[in-house]
Amino acid sequence: MKLLITRPLPETVINAVPATYDLTVRQDSGPLSSDELRQSLQDYDAILPTLGDVYSAEVFADVPAPRAKVLANFGVGYNHIDVAAAEKVGIVVSNTPGAVTDATADIAMTLMLMSCRRAGEGERIVRAGDWHGWHPTQFLGMHLSGKTVGIIGMGRIGQAIARRCHFGFGMKVKYVNRSVKSVDFPAEQIDTMEALAGQVDVLVIATPGGSETHHLIGAAVFKAMQPHAHFINIARGEIVDEAALIAALENKAFAGAGLDVYEFEPQVPEALIAMENVVLLPHLGTAALDVRTEMGLMAVENLRAFEDGQPLPNAV
């Protein structure tokens, strides 16, 4: 069978692909183009895609009888793949849950600390040669320990963030989720996102992407936030109405933001870039060699199962 891996991956992952596959590794690190998406469905039996490779309903409609039978996605998020449309043309889809949880939670904590303690501003001052020495009122931010964190989406990643906040920083945990979660630390479920936003010092987004959560966070949530609070997004950019976020920050509705993802990634609005109280990271959520290797090996295990005619371990 012919296999396409759409981006360069760690060598350990490439070496783990069964020798029975006729393997092609695309060397371009950018997403598949519209033509490449359609051609891949015609030319390969199996595809290992990742974020940005948009296998939409339109792509599948243009290839109604694809050669490809499996998309083993590299990543836990799969909102770039229309799973229902894939199933209609006989393609199964898998992802890599679990492998990304701790790394993404760590980035959330990084952004929380950087935003609350104004670390981005401080580093820029030092690098620019504009720091003239310590003084008692310089870069006064918010002490994170003992504060209240609000988490929208208490799945694996949301719980991992909450656990770090509670056990590591002594923070109170409140959350919004479709169902009650049983966890090993105190956590209060709040009925609405707006109510949550008004009760917390840091608001963190940890929901999956996709049509159901598109622009889930908008002007109403930002208006409800406290003036000293900080907003963090490590989930998917399109969950947040970016224009509403910019307007809220310009109007000083809350103190600052930390973002690892963007609505029209990799485009980052100039308005956000110009704001000193916004921390901007280039989607670093899982950017650690051991984590990306584990993700790749999990995707390969899904391919092995497909090759052996077995159910995919992480079918979505």
Protein backbone atom coordinates (compact mmCIF):
# COMPACT_ATOMS: atom_id res chain seq x y z
CA MET A 1 0.00 0.00 0.00
CA LYS A 2 1.07 3.54 -0.72
CA LEU A 3 1.35 5.91 2.25
CA LEU A 4 1.72 9.69 2.20
CA ILE A 5 3.04 11.55 5.23
CA THR A 6 2.15 15.15 4.51
CA ARG A 7 4.92 16.88 6.54
CA PRO A 8 8.42 16.04 7.74
CA LEU A 9 8.22 14.15 11.06
CA PRO A 10 10.84 13.01 13.60
CA GLU A 11 13.13 10.32 12.20
CA THR A 12 11.98 7.81 14.81
CA VAL A 13 8.45 8.09 13.47
CA ILE A 14 9.50 7.65 9.85
CA ASN A 15 11.56 4.59 10.76
CA ALA A 16 8.57 3.05 12.55
CA VAL A 17 6.44 2.91 9.40
CA PRO A 18 6.05 -0.74 8.38
CA ALA A 19 8.31 -1.73 5.50
CA THR A 20 5.23 -3.07 3.72
CA TYR A 21 4.19 0.50 2.94
CA ASP A 22 5.45 2.29 -0.16
CA LEU A 23 6.22 5.50 1.73
CA THR A 24 6.31 9.08 0.48
CA VAL A 25 7.23 11.87 2.90
CA ARG A 26 6.31 15.29 1.57
CA GLN A 27 9.16 17.66 2.42
CA ASP A 28 7.14 20.89 2.40
CA SER A 29 6.33 21.93 5.99
CA GLY A 30 3.25 23.89 4.90
CA PRO A 31 -0.30 22.54 4.51
CA LEU A 32 -1.38 20.59 1.45
CA SER A 33 -2.72 22.77 -1.34
CA SER A 34 -6.21 22.31 -2.73
CA ASP A 35 -4.86 20.27 -5.65
CA GLU A 36 -2.58 18.22 -3.39
CA LEU A 37 -5.48 17.33 -1.11
CA ARG A 38 -7.51 15.93 -3.97
CA GLN A 39 -4.56 14.21 -5.60
CA SER A 40 -3.58 12.52 -2.35
CA LEU A 41 -6.97 10.83 -2.11
CA GLN A 42 -6.51 9.47 -5.62
CA ASP A 43 -2.85 8.38 -5.41
CA TYR A 44 -2.46 6.86 -1.92
CA ASP A 45 -4.07 4.07 0.10
CA ALA A 46 -3.27 5.73 3.43
CA ILE A 47 -2.48 9.31 4.46
CA LEU A 48 -0.93 10.68 7.64
CA PRO A 49 -2.04 14.35 7.61
CA THR A 50 -1.90 17.03 10.27
CA LEU A 51 -3.20 20.47 11.25
CA GLY A 52 -3.85 22.66 8.23
CA ASP A 53 -4.41 19.81 5.77
CA VAL A 54 -8.06 20.69 5.22
CA TYR A 55 -9.89 17.60 4.04
CA SER A 56 -13.25 19.33 3.74
CA ALA A 57 -16.58 18.05 2.47
CA GLU A 58 -15.82 19.78 -0.83
CA VAL A 59 -12.55 17.88 -1.21
CA PHE A 60 -14.27 14.55 -0.63
CA ALA A 61 -17.11 15.51 -2.98
CA ASP A 62 -14.58 16.08 -5.74
CA VAL A 63 -13.11 12.59 -5.18
CA PRO A 64 -16.21 10.43 -4.61
CA ALA A 65 -14.36 7.13 -5.12
CA PRO A 66 -10.97 7.67 -3.44
CA ARG A 67 -8.14 5.18 -3.41
CA ALA A 68 -7.36 6.29 0.16
CA LYS A 69 -9.15 4.40 2.92
CA VAL A 70 -7.58 5.87 6.07
CA LEU A 71 -6.51 9.28 7.37
CA ALA A 72 -4.30 8.72 10.43
CA ASN A 73 -4.21 12.28 11.73
CA PHE A 74 -1.09 13.56 13.51
CA GLY A 75 -2.67 15.46 16.40
CA VAL A 76 -5.58 15.21 18.78
CA GLY A 77 -7.56 17.94 17.02
CA TYR A 78 -9.15 16.87 13.75
CA ASN A 79 -11.45 19.78 12.92
CA HIS A 80 -9.54 20.18 9.64
CA ILE A 81 -11.05 16.85 8.51
CA ASP A 82 -14.76 16.50 7.78
CA VAL A 83 -15.16 13.08 9.38
CA ALA A 84 -18.75 12.61 8.27
CA ALA A 85 -17.83 13.36 4.64
CA ALA A 86 -14.85 11.01 4.90
CA GLU A 87 -17.06 8.19 6.15
CA LYS A 88 -19.47 8.68 3.24
CA VAL A 89 -16.69 7.88 0.77
CA GLY A 90 -15.36 4.94 2.82
CA ILE A 91 -12.46 6.58 4.67
CA VAL A 92 -11.81 6.04 8.38
CA VAL A 93 -10.14 8.75 10.47
CA SER A 94 -7.99 8.47 13.60
CA ASN A 95 -6.18 10.92 15.88
CA THR A 96 -3.58 10.92 18.66
CA PRO A 97 -5.29 11.65 21.99
CA GLY A 98 -3.39 11.49 25.25
CA ALA A 99 0.02 12.14 23.76
CA VAL A 100 -0.61 15.90 23.63
CA THR A 101 -2.26 16.43 27.02
CA ASP A 102 0.63 17.32 29.33
CA ALA A 103 2.59 19.30 26.76
CA THR A 104 -0.43 21.47 25.92
CA ALA A 105 -1.22 21.99 29.61
CA ASP A 106 2.38 23.10 30.16
CA ILE A 107 2.03 25.73 27.43
CA ALA A 108 -1.15 26.97 29.10
CA MET A 109 0.79 27.48 32.32
CA THR A 110 3.59 29.18 30.38
CA LEU A 111 1.12 31.66 28.89
CA MET A 112 -0.62 32.22 32.23
CA LEU A 113 2.66 33.09 33.92
CA MET A 114 3.95 35.19 31.03
CA SER A 115 0.73 37.18 30.76
CA CYS A 116 0.10 37.66 34.47
CA ARG A 117 3.73 38.52 35.27
CA ARG A 118 4.25 40.62 32.12
CA ALA A 119 7.22 38.50 31.07
CA GLY A 120 6.89 39.30 27.37
CA GLU A 121 7.06 43.02 28.04
CA GLY A 122 10.06 42.55 30.32
CA GLU A 123 12.01 40.50 27.82
CA ARG A 124 11.38 43.01 25.05
CA ILE A 125 12.70 45.83 27.23
CA VAL A 126 15.88 43.89 28.05
CA ARG A 127 16.50 42.86 24.43
CA ALA A 128 15.99 46.43 23.25
CA GLY A 129 18.59 47.70 25.72
CA ASP A 130 15.98 49.87 27.42
CA TRP A 131 16.16 48.36 30.92
CA HIS A 132 17.74 50.79 33.34
CA GLY A 133 17.66 48.71 36.51
CA TRP A 134 15.27 47.36 39.09
CA HIS A 135 12.84 49.58 40.94
CA PRO A 136 9.86 48.82 43.20
CA THR A 137 7.03 49.68 40.79
CA GLN A 138 8.45 48.26 37.56
CA PHE A 139 6.30 45.78 35.59
CA LEU A 140 3.86 45.11 38.40
CA GLY A 141 1.75 42.20 37.30
CA MET A 142 -0.61 39.75 39.00
CA HIS A 143 0.67 37.06 41.37
CA LEU A 144 -0.79 33.79 40.10
CA SER A 145 -0.64 31.73 43.30
CA GLY A 146 -3.89 31.57 45.24
CA LYS A 147 -5.99 33.11 42.45
CA THR A 148 -9.01 31.57 40.70
CA VAL A 149 -8.76 29.91 37.30
CA GLY A 150 -11.73 29.35 35.04
CA ILE A 151 -11.52 26.63 32.42
CA ILE A 152 -13.91 26.34 29.48
CA GLY A 153 -13.73 22.69 28.46
CA MET A 154 -12.77 20.13 31.12
CA GLY A 155 -11.60 17.29 28.93
CA ARG A 156 -8.15 15.71 29.24
CA ILE A 157 -6.29 18.96 28.61
CA GLY A 158 -8.61 21.13 30.69
CA GLN A 159 -8.24 18.77 33.64
CA ALA A 160 -4.45 18.71 33.25
CA ILE A 161 -4.39 22.51 33.37
CA ALA A 162 -6.69 22.56 36.38
CA ARG A 163 -4.53 20.01 38.20
CA ARG A 164 -1.40 22.12 37.66
CA CYS A 165 -3.23 25.23 38.84
CA HIS A 166 -4.58 23.59 41.99
CA PHE A 167 -1.65 21.47 43.11
CA GLY A 168 1.13 23.69 41.79
CA PHE A 169 -0.21 27.18 42.51
CA GLY A 170 -2.91 26.65 45.11
CA MET A 171 -5.52 28.12 42.79
CA LYS A 172 -9.27 27.68 43.05
CA VAL A 173 -10.70 25.89 40.02
CA LYS A 174 -14.01 26.69 38.35
CA TYR A 175 -15.14 25.38 34.99
CA VAL A 176 -17.82 25.19 32.33
CA ASN A 177 -18.41 21.84 30.65
CA ARG A 178 -21.33 19.99 29.09
CA SER A 179 -21.14 17.36 31.83
CA VAL A 180 -20.03 17.23 35.45
CA LYS A 181 -16.45 16.01 35.87
CA SER A 182 -15.23 13.84 38.72
CA VAL A 183 -11.69 14.96 39.57
CA ASP A 184 -9.25 14.45 42.43
CA PHE A 185 -9.22 18.11 43.48
CA PRO A 186 -11.86 20.74 44.36
CA ALA A 187 -13.52 22.12 41.22
CA GLU A 188 -16.78 24.05 40.94
CA GLN A 189 -18.91 23.76 37.82
CA ILE A 190 -20.48 27.04 36.68
CA ASP A 191 -23.62 27.19 34.53
CA THR A 192 -22.56 29.66 31.84
CA MET A 193 -19.38 30.98 30.28
CA GLU A 194 -20.36 34.55 31.08
CA ALA A 195 -20.89 33.71 34.75
CA LEU A 196 -17.54 31.91 34.84
CA ALA A 197 -15.76 34.83 33.17
CA GLY A 198 -17.02 37.19 35.86
CA GLN A 199 -15.73 35.06 38.74
CA VAL A 200 -12.14 34.22 37.76
CA ASP A 201 -8.74 35.87 37.58
CA VAL A 202 -7.58 33.79 34.60
CA LEU A 203 -9.90 32.37 31.92
CA VAL A 204 -8.50 29.47 29.88
CA ILE A 205 -9.99 27.99 26.71
CA ALA A 206 -9.49 24.22 26.36
CA THR A 207 -12.37 23.04 24.17
CA PRO A 208 -12.02 21.09 20.90
CA GLY A 209 -12.24 22.98 17.62
CA GLY A 210 -14.84 22.39 14.92
CA SER A 211 -18.14 23.81 13.75
CA GLU A 212 -19.81 23.32 17.15
CA THR A 213 -17.33 25.60 18.91
CA HIS A 214 -16.68 28.16 16.16
CA HIS A 215 -16.73 31.63 17.78
CA LEU A 216 -17.85 30.07 21.04
CA ILE A 217 -15.98 32.86 22.83
CA GLY A 218 -16.99 36.35 21.84
CA ALA A 219 -17.95 39.81 23.04
CA ALA A 220 -20.35 38.62 25.77
CA VAL A 221 -17.66 36.55 27.49
CA PHE A 222 -15.05 39.31 27.22
CA LYS A 223 -17.49 41.91 28.58
CA ALA A 224 -18.11 39.70 31.63
CA MET A 225 -14.43 39.40 32.54
CA GLN A 226 -13.00 41.36 35.46
CA PRO A 227 -10.69 44.30 34.60
CA HIS A 228 -7.65 42.63 36.22
CA ALA A 229 -8.23 39.21 34.58
CA HIS A 230 -6.24 37.47 31.87
CA PHE A 231 -7.46 35.44 28.87
CA ILE A 232 -5.58 32.35 27.64
CA ASN A 233 -6.20 30.25 24.50
CA ILE A 234 -4.29 27.01 23.86
CA ALA A 235 -7.14 25.24 22.04
CA ARG A 236 -8.00 26.33 18.50
CA GLY A 237 -7.97 29.87 17.13
CA GLU A 238 -11.39 29.76 15.52
CA ILE A 239 -13.05 29.09 18.88
CA VAL A 240 -12.47 32.78 19.62
CA ASP A 241 -13.98 35.68 17.70
CA GLU A 242 -10.63 37.37 17.12
CA ALA A 243 -12.17 40.73 16.18
CA ALA A 244 -14.14 40.73 19.44
CA LEU A 245 -10.97 39.83 21.36
CA ILE A 246 -9.07 42.74 19.81
CA ALA A 247 -11.92 45.15 20.55
CA ALA A 248 -12.09 44.00 24.17
CA LEU A 249 -8.35 44.43 24.65
CA GLU A 250 -8.40 47.86 23.01
CA ASN A 251 -11.23 48.86 25.36
CA LYS A 252 -9.29 47.50 28.36
CA ALA A 253 -12.09 45.09 29.26
CA PHE A 254 -9.46 42.92 30.95
CA ALA A 255 -5.75 43.10 31.72
CA GLY A 256 -4.08 40.91 29.12
CA ALA A 257 -4.03 37.77 27.01
CA GLY A 258 -1.81 34.83 26.17
CA LEU A 259 -2.36 33.15 22.81
CA ASP A 260 -0.82 30.07 21.23
CA VAL A 261 -3.40 29.82 18.43
CA TYR A 262 -5.11 32.25 16.07
CA GLU A 263 -8.34 32.38 14.09
CA PHE A 264 -6.64 32.64 10.70
CA GLU A 265 -3.36 30.95 11.58
CA PRO A 266 -0.57 31.58 10.67
CA GLN A 267 -1.84 35.14 10.13
CA VAL A 268 -1.67 37.16 13.34
CA PRO A 269 -3.47 40.53 13.31
CA GLU A 270 -1.21 43.56 13.51
CA ALA A 271 -3.44 44.88 16.26
CA LEU A 272 -2.47 41.97 18.51
CA ILE A 273 1.21 42.23 17.60
CA ALA A 274 1.19 45.90 18.59
CA MET A 275 -0.27 45.26 22.05
CA GLU A 276 2.25 45.07 24.88
CA ASN A 277 -0.19 43.22 27.14
CA VAL A 278 -0.59 40.26 24.78
CA VAL A 279 1.75 37.25 24.76
CA LEU A 280 1.96 35.60 21.32
CA LEU A 281 3.40 32.11 20.75
CA PRO A 282 3.69 30.27 17.39
CA HIS A 283 1.42 27.30 18.22
CA LEU A 284 3.96 25.65 20.52
CA GLY A 285 1.40 23.44 22.29
CA THR A 286 3.05 20.08 21.53
CA ALA A 287 6.43 21.36 20.33
CA ALA A 288 8.70 18.95 22.20
CA LEU A 289 10.62 16.19 20.43
CA ASP A 290 9.47 13.39 22.70
CA VAL A 291 5.84 14.53 22.47
CA ARG A 292 5.84 14.87 18.68
CA THR A 293 7.54 11.46 18.45
CA GLU A 294 4.86 9.89 20.65
CA MET A 295 2.16 11.48 18.52
CA GLY A 296 3.75 10.11 15.35
CA LEU A 297 4.15 6.62 16.77
CA MET A 298 0.50 6.64 17.81
CA ALA A 299 -0.49 7.58 14.26
CA VAL A 300 1.68 4.76 12.93
CA GLU A 301 -0.07 2.31 15.29
CA ASN A 302 -3.36 3.33 13.74
CA LEU A 303 -1.89 2.63 10.31
CA ARG A 304 -0.64 -0.79 11.47
CA ALA A 305 -4.11 -1.65 12.68
CA PHE A 306 -5.58 -0.56 9.36
CA GLU A 307 -3.06 -2.66 7.44
CA ASP A 308 -3.89 -5.68 9.60
CA GLY A 309 -7.62 -5.25 9.10
CA GLN A 310 -8.13 -4.42 12.79
CA PRO A 311 -10.16 -1.57 14.36
CA LEU A 312 -8.12 1.61 14.65
CA PRO A 313 -7.07 2.15 18.30
CA ASN A 314 -7.91 5.85 18.09
CA ALA A 315 -10.70 6.03 15.52
CA VAL A 316 -12.78 9.22 15.72
